Amino acid sequence: MPVYNKLVRDLIPDIIERDGKTCVTRILDESAYIAEVNKKMYEELKEYEEANTAEEHVEELSDLLELIYAAAQFNGVTIEELETVRQEKAKKRGAFNERIYLEEVLDD
């Protein structure tokens, strides 16, 4: 019997039970929950880096986005508020669209 010990999406226990299996779960307290969300972000980022196709990349990006939404909600921020902050930051500092890679800053 596999042991996972990781945060999973809300419907995963139902999916496991529909497959005729039994799973053991628990509800995390707030500190454990946000720690697991953060850990899961690293896991999904690694999976994104290891993806080989555009479809796989999009799947992993959607997982990362879901975790970002969860972290935002945990911090009392709506998706709309998060998007507003993103847009304001892009307006003030730019986005990452131009592929600029800063190599060095020279003192005059």
N, C-alpha and C. Protein backbone atom coordinates (compact mmCIF):
# COMPACT_ATOMS: atom_id res chain seq x y z
N MET A 1 0.84 -1.18 0.00
CA MET A 1 0.00 0.00 0.00
C MET A 1 0.89 1.25 0.00
N PRO A 2 0.77 2.12 -1.01
CA PRO A 2 1.61 3.31 -1.07
C PRO A 2 1.28 4.33 0.02
N VAL A 3 2.32 4.98 0.53
CA VAL A 3 2.17 6.06 1.50
C VAL A 3 2.57 7.35 0.79
N TYR A 4 1.71 8.35 0.83
CA TYR A 4 1.96 9.59 0.09
C TYR A 4 2.37 10.74 0.98
N ASN A 5 1.67 10.96 2.08
CA ASN A 5 1.97 12.06 2.99
C ASN A 5 2.17 13.38 2.24
N LYS A 6 1.14 13.80 1.50
CA LYS A 6 1.24 15.06 0.78
C LYS A 6 -0.14 15.69 0.60
N LEU A 7 -0.16 16.98 0.40
CA LEU A 7 -1.38 17.71 0.12
C LEU A 7 -1.91 17.29 -1.24
N VAL A 8 -3.21 17.04 -1.31
CA VAL A 8 -3.83 16.66 -2.58
C VAL A 8 -5.05 17.55 -2.84
N ARG A 9 -5.47 17.56 -4.09
CA ARG A 9 -6.67 18.31 -4.46
C ARG A 9 -7.89 17.72 -3.74
N ASP A 10 -8.89 18.56 -3.54
CA ASP A 10 -10.06 18.21 -2.71
C ASP A 10 -10.80 16.95 -3.15
N LEU A 11 -10.85 16.67 -4.43
CA LEU A 11 -11.64 15.54 -4.91
C LEU A 11 -10.86 14.22 -5.01
N ILE A 12 -9.58 14.26 -4.72
CA ILE A 12 -8.75 13.05 -4.83
C ILE A 12 -9.25 11.91 -3.94
N PRO A 13 -9.62 12.15 -2.68
CA PRO A 13 -10.15 11.02 -1.88
C PRO A 13 -11.39 10.39 -2.51
N ASP A 14 -12.30 11.19 -3.05
CA ASP A 14 -13.50 10.64 -3.71
C ASP A 14 -13.12 9.80 -4.92
N ILE A 15 -12.15 10.27 -5.68
CA ILE A 15 -11.70 9.54 -6.88
C ILE A 15 -11.09 8.20 -6.47
N ILE A 16 -10.30 8.21 -5.40
CA ILE A 16 -9.70 6.96 -4.91
C ILE A 16 -10.77 5.98 -4.47
N GLU A 17 -11.77 6.48 -3.75
CA GLU A 17 -12.85 5.60 -3.27
C GLU A 17 -13.71 5.08 -4.40
N ARG A 18 -13.92 5.88 -5.44
CA ARG A 18 -14.67 5.40 -6.62
C ARG A 18 -13.93 4.28 -7.32
N ASP A 19 -12.60 4.26 -7.17
CA ASP A 19 -11.80 3.17 -7.74
C ASP A 19 -11.81 1.93 -6.85
N GLY A 20 -12.63 1.95 -5.79
CA GLY A 20 -12.76 0.79 -4.92
C GLY A 20 -11.67 0.67 -3.88
N LYS A 21 -10.92 1.75 -3.64
CA LYS A 21 -9.84 1.72 -2.66
C LYS A 21 -10.23 2.57 -1.45
N THR A 22 -9.53 2.38 -0.39
CA THR A 22 -9.74 3.16 0.82
C THR A 22 -8.51 4.02 1.05
N CYS A 23 -8.73 5.27 1.42
CA CYS A 23 -7.59 6.14 1.71
C CYS A 23 -7.73 6.72 3.11
N VAL A 24 -6.62 7.03 3.70
CA VAL A 24 -6.59 7.65 5.03
C VAL A 24 -6.17 9.09 4.83
N THR A 25 -6.99 10.02 5.32
CA THR A 25 -6.70 11.45 5.18
C THR A 25 -6.86 12.13 6.53
N ARG A 26 -6.41 13.36 6.61
CA ARG A 26 -6.66 14.21 7.76
C ARG A 26 -6.71 15.65 7.27
N ILE A 27 -7.34 16.49 8.05
CA ILE A 27 -7.41 17.92 7.73
C ILE A 27 -6.28 18.63 8.47
N LEU A 28 -5.50 19.40 7.73
CA LEU A 28 -4.34 20.08 8.30
C LEU A 28 -4.76 21.35 9.04
N ASP A 29 -4.03 21.67 10.10
CA ASP A 29 -4.25 22.97 10.73
C ASP A 29 -3.61 24.04 9.84
N GLU A 30 -3.82 25.30 10.18
CA GLU A 30 -3.38 26.39 9.29
C GLU A 30 -1.88 26.38 9.01
N SER A 31 -1.07 26.21 10.04
CA SER A 31 0.38 26.27 9.81
C SER A 31 0.86 25.09 8.97
N ALA A 32 0.32 23.91 9.22
CA ALA A 32 0.70 22.75 8.42
C ALA A 32 0.20 22.90 6.99
N TYR A 33 -1.01 23.46 6.84
CA TYR A 33 -1.58 23.63 5.51
C TYR A 33 -0.71 24.54 4.64
N ILE A 34 -0.36 25.72 5.15
CA ILE A 34 0.42 26.64 4.30
C ILE A 34 1.82 26.09 4.05
N ALA A 35 2.37 25.35 5.01
CA ALA A 35 3.67 24.71 4.79
C ALA A 35 3.57 23.69 3.66
N GLU A 36 2.48 22.93 3.62
CA GLU A 36 2.28 21.93 2.57
C GLU A 36 1.97 22.58 1.22
N VAL A 37 1.25 23.69 1.23
CA VAL A 37 1.02 24.44 -0.02
C VAL A 37 2.35 24.89 -0.58
N ASN A 38 3.21 25.44 0.26
CA ASN A 38 4.52 25.90 -0.20
C ASN A 38 5.36 24.74 -0.72
N LYS A 39 5.34 23.63 -0.01
CA LYS A 39 6.09 22.44 -0.44
C LYS A 39 5.57 21.94 -1.79
N LYS A 40 4.25 21.94 -1.93
CA LYS A 40 3.63 21.47 -3.17
C LYS A 40 3.99 22.38 -4.34
N MET A 41 4.14 23.69 -4.09
CA MET A 41 4.55 24.60 -5.17
C MET A 41 5.90 24.19 -5.73
N TYR A 42 6.84 23.85 -4.86
CA TYR A 42 8.15 23.40 -5.32
C TYR A 42 8.04 22.11 -6.13
N GLU A 43 7.20 21.20 -5.65
CA GLU A 43 6.99 19.92 -6.34
C GLU A 43 6.44 20.17 -7.76
N GLU A 44 5.43 21.04 -7.85
CA GLU A 44 4.83 21.32 -9.15
C GLU A 44 5.78 22.09 -10.06
N LEU A 45 6.59 22.98 -9.49
CA LEU A 45 7.58 23.70 -10.29
C LEU A 45 8.59 22.72 -10.87
N LYS A 46 9.02 21.76 -10.07
CA LYS A 46 9.95 20.74 -10.57
C LYS A 46 9.31 19.95 -11.70
N GLU A 47 8.03 19.60 -11.54
CA GLU A 47 7.34 18.86 -12.59
C GLU A 47 7.21 19.72 -13.85
N TYR A 48 7.01 21.01 -13.68
CA TYR A 48 6.96 21.92 -14.84
C TYR A 48 8.31 21.92 -15.56
N GLU A 49 9.38 22.02 -14.80
CA GLU A 49 10.73 22.03 -15.39
C GLU A 49 11.03 20.72 -16.12
N GLU A 50 10.48 19.62 -15.65
CA GLU A 50 10.73 18.32 -16.27
C GLU A 50 9.77 17.98 -17.40
N ALA A 51 8.75 18.81 -17.59
CA ALA A 51 7.76 18.54 -18.65
C ALA A 51 8.43 18.60 -20.02
N ASN A 52 7.91 17.80 -20.94
CA ASN A 52 8.51 17.72 -22.28
C ASN A 52 7.66 18.34 -23.38
N THR A 53 6.38 18.44 -23.15
CA THR A 53 5.50 18.94 -24.19
C THR A 53 4.77 20.20 -23.70
N ALA A 54 4.23 20.94 -24.64
CA ALA A 54 3.45 22.13 -24.28
C ALA A 54 2.26 21.74 -23.41
N GLU A 55 1.63 20.63 -23.73
CA GLU A 55 0.48 20.17 -22.94
C GLU A 55 0.88 19.86 -21.50
N GLU A 56 2.01 19.20 -21.32
CA GLU A 56 2.50 18.90 -19.97
C GLU A 56 2.83 20.19 -19.22
N HIS A 57 3.45 21.14 -19.92
CA HIS A 57 3.77 22.43 -19.29
C HIS A 57 2.50 23.12 -18.81
N VAL A 58 1.48 23.14 -19.64
CA VAL A 58 0.22 23.79 -19.28
C VAL A 58 -0.41 23.10 -18.07
N GLU A 59 -0.38 21.77 -18.04
CA GLU A 59 -0.92 21.02 -16.90
C GLU A 59 -0.22 21.44 -15.61
N GLU A 60 1.09 21.51 -15.64
CA GLU A 60 1.85 21.87 -14.45
C GLU A 60 1.64 23.33 -14.08
N LEU A 61 1.52 24.21 -15.07
CA LEU A 61 1.22 25.61 -14.78
C LEU A 61 -0.14 25.75 -14.11
N SER A 62 -1.11 24.95 -14.54
CA SER A 62 -2.43 25.02 -13.91
C SER A 62 -2.36 24.55 -12.46
N ASP A 63 -1.53 23.55 -12.17
CA ASP A 63 -1.34 23.12 -10.79
C ASP A 63 -0.69 24.23 -9.96
N LEU A 64 0.32 24.88 -10.52
CA LEU A 64 0.97 25.99 -9.82
C LEU A 64 -0.02 27.13 -9.57
N LEU A 65 -0.83 27.43 -10.56
CA LEU A 65 -1.81 28.50 -10.42
C LEU A 65 -2.82 28.17 -9.32
N GLU A 66 -3.26 26.92 -9.26
CA GLU A 66 -4.20 26.51 -8.20
C GLU A 66 -3.57 26.70 -6.83
N LEU A 67 -2.29 26.38 -6.71
CA LEU A 67 -1.59 26.56 -5.44
C LEU A 67 -1.39 28.03 -5.11
N ILE A 68 -1.14 28.85 -6.12
CA ILE A 68 -1.04 30.30 -5.91
C ILE A 68 -2.37 30.85 -5.42
N TYR A 69 -3.46 30.39 -6.01
CA TYR A 69 -4.79 30.80 -5.55
C TYR A 69 -5.00 30.39 -4.10
N ALA A 70 -4.59 29.17 -3.75
CA ALA A 70 -4.75 28.69 -2.37
C ALA A 70 -3.93 29.55 -1.40
N ALA A 71 -2.71 29.88 -1.77
CA ALA A 71 -1.85 30.71 -0.92
C ALA A 71 -2.42 32.11 -0.78
N ALA A 72 -2.96 32.65 -1.88
CA ALA A 72 -3.58 33.98 -1.82
C ALA A 72 -4.76 33.95 -0.87
N GLN A 73 -5.63 32.96 -1.01
CA GLN A 73 -6.80 32.85 -0.14
C GLN A 73 -6.37 32.70 1.32
N PHE A 74 -5.35 31.90 1.57
CA PHE A 74 -4.83 31.72 2.93
C PHE A 74 -4.40 33.06 3.52
N ASN A 75 -3.84 33.93 2.68
CA ASN A 75 -3.37 35.24 3.11
C ASN A 75 -4.45 36.31 3.05
N GLY A 76 -5.69 35.90 2.82
CA GLY A 76 -6.81 36.83 2.85
C GLY A 76 -6.94 37.70 1.62
N VAL A 77 -6.42 37.23 0.50
CA VAL A 77 -6.43 38.00 -0.75
C VAL A 77 -7.25 37.26 -1.79
N THR A 78 -8.12 37.97 -2.48
CA THR A 78 -8.90 37.36 -3.55
C THR A 78 -8.05 37.26 -4.81
N ILE A 79 -8.51 36.47 -5.73
CA ILE A 79 -7.82 36.34 -7.02
C ILE A 79 -7.79 37.69 -7.72
N GLU A 80 -8.88 38.43 -7.62
CA GLU A 80 -8.96 39.75 -8.26
C GLU A 80 -7.95 40.72 -7.63
N GLU A 81 -7.81 40.68 -6.31
CA GLU A 81 -6.83 41.54 -5.63
C GLU A 81 -5.41 41.15 -6.04
N LEU A 82 -5.17 39.87 -6.12
CA LEU A 82 -3.86 39.38 -6.55
C LEU A 82 -3.55 39.86 -7.96
N GLU A 83 -4.53 39.77 -8.85
CA GLU A 83 -4.35 40.22 -10.23
C GLU A 83 -4.10 41.73 -10.28
N THR A 84 -4.77 42.48 -9.44
CA THR A 84 -4.54 43.93 -9.39
C THR A 84 -3.11 44.24 -8.98
N VAL A 85 -2.61 43.54 -7.97
CA VAL A 85 -1.23 43.73 -7.53
C VAL A 85 -0.27 43.37 -8.66
N ARG A 86 -0.56 42.26 -9.35
CA ARG A 86 0.29 41.84 -10.47
C ARG A 86 0.34 42.91 -11.55
N GLN A 87 -0.83 43.45 -11.90
CA GLN A 87 -0.90 44.47 -12.94
C GLN A 87 -0.19 45.75 -12.53
N GLU A 88 -0.35 46.16 -11.28
CA GLU A 88 0.33 47.37 -10.79
C GLU A 88 1.84 47.19 -10.83
N LYS A 89 2.30 46.02 -10.41
CA LYS A 89 3.74 45.75 -10.42
C LYS A 89 4.27 45.72 -11.85
N ALA A 90 3.51 45.14 -12.77
CA ALA A 90 3.92 45.10 -14.17
C ALA A 90 3.98 46.52 -14.74
N LYS A 91 3.05 47.35 -14.34
CA LYS A 91 3.03 48.74 -14.83
C LYS A 91 4.24 49.52 -14.30
N LYS A 92 4.60 49.30 -13.03
CA LYS A 92 5.72 50.03 -12.41
C LYS A 92 7.08 49.47 -12.80
N ARG A 93 7.20 48.14 -12.89
CA ARG A 93 8.50 47.50 -13.08
C ARG A 93 8.60 46.67 -14.35
N GLY A 94 7.49 46.55 -15.05
CA GLY A 94 7.47 45.74 -16.25
C GLY A 94 7.10 44.30 -15.94
N ALA A 95 6.96 43.51 -17.00
CA ALA A 95 6.66 42.09 -16.86
C ALA A 95 7.94 41.33 -17.20
N PHE A 96 7.81 40.19 -17.81
CA PHE A 96 8.97 39.41 -18.25
C PHE A 96 8.86 39.08 -19.73
N ASN A 97 8.17 39.92 -20.46
CA ASN A 97 7.88 39.65 -21.87
C ASN A 97 9.06 39.86 -22.81
N GLU A 98 9.96 40.76 -22.44
CA GLU A 98 11.05 41.11 -23.36
C GLU A 98 12.30 40.26 -23.20
N ARG A 99 12.25 39.30 -22.30
CA ARG A 99 13.33 38.33 -22.11
C ARG A 99 14.66 38.97 -21.72
N ILE A 100 14.61 40.06 -20.97
CA ILE A 100 15.82 40.78 -20.57
C ILE A 100 16.54 39.99 -19.48
N TYR A 101 17.82 39.78 -19.68
CA TYR A 101 18.65 39.04 -18.74
C TYR A 101 19.74 39.99 -18.25
N LEU A 102 19.67 40.41 -16.99
CA LEU A 102 20.63 41.35 -16.43
C LEU A 102 21.90 40.61 -16.05
N GLU A 103 22.99 40.97 -16.67
CA GLU A 103 24.26 40.31 -16.40
C GLU A 103 25.05 41.02 -15.32
N GLU A 104 25.01 42.33 -15.32
CA GLU A 104 25.89 43.06 -14.43
C GLU A 104 25.46 44.52 -14.37
N VAL A 105 25.75 45.17 -13.25
CA VAL A 105 25.56 46.60 -13.10
C VAL A 105 26.91 47.18 -12.73
N LEU A 106 27.41 48.10 -13.55
CA LEU A 106 28.72 48.69 -13.33
C LEU A 106 28.61 50.00 -12.56
N ASP A 107 29.47 50.17 -11.58
CA ASP A 107 29.52 51.44 -10.87
C ASP A 107 30.29 52.43 -11.73
N ASP A 108 29.76 53.64 -11.79
CA ASP A 108 30.44 54.67 -12.62
C ASP A 108 31.54 55.35 -11.85
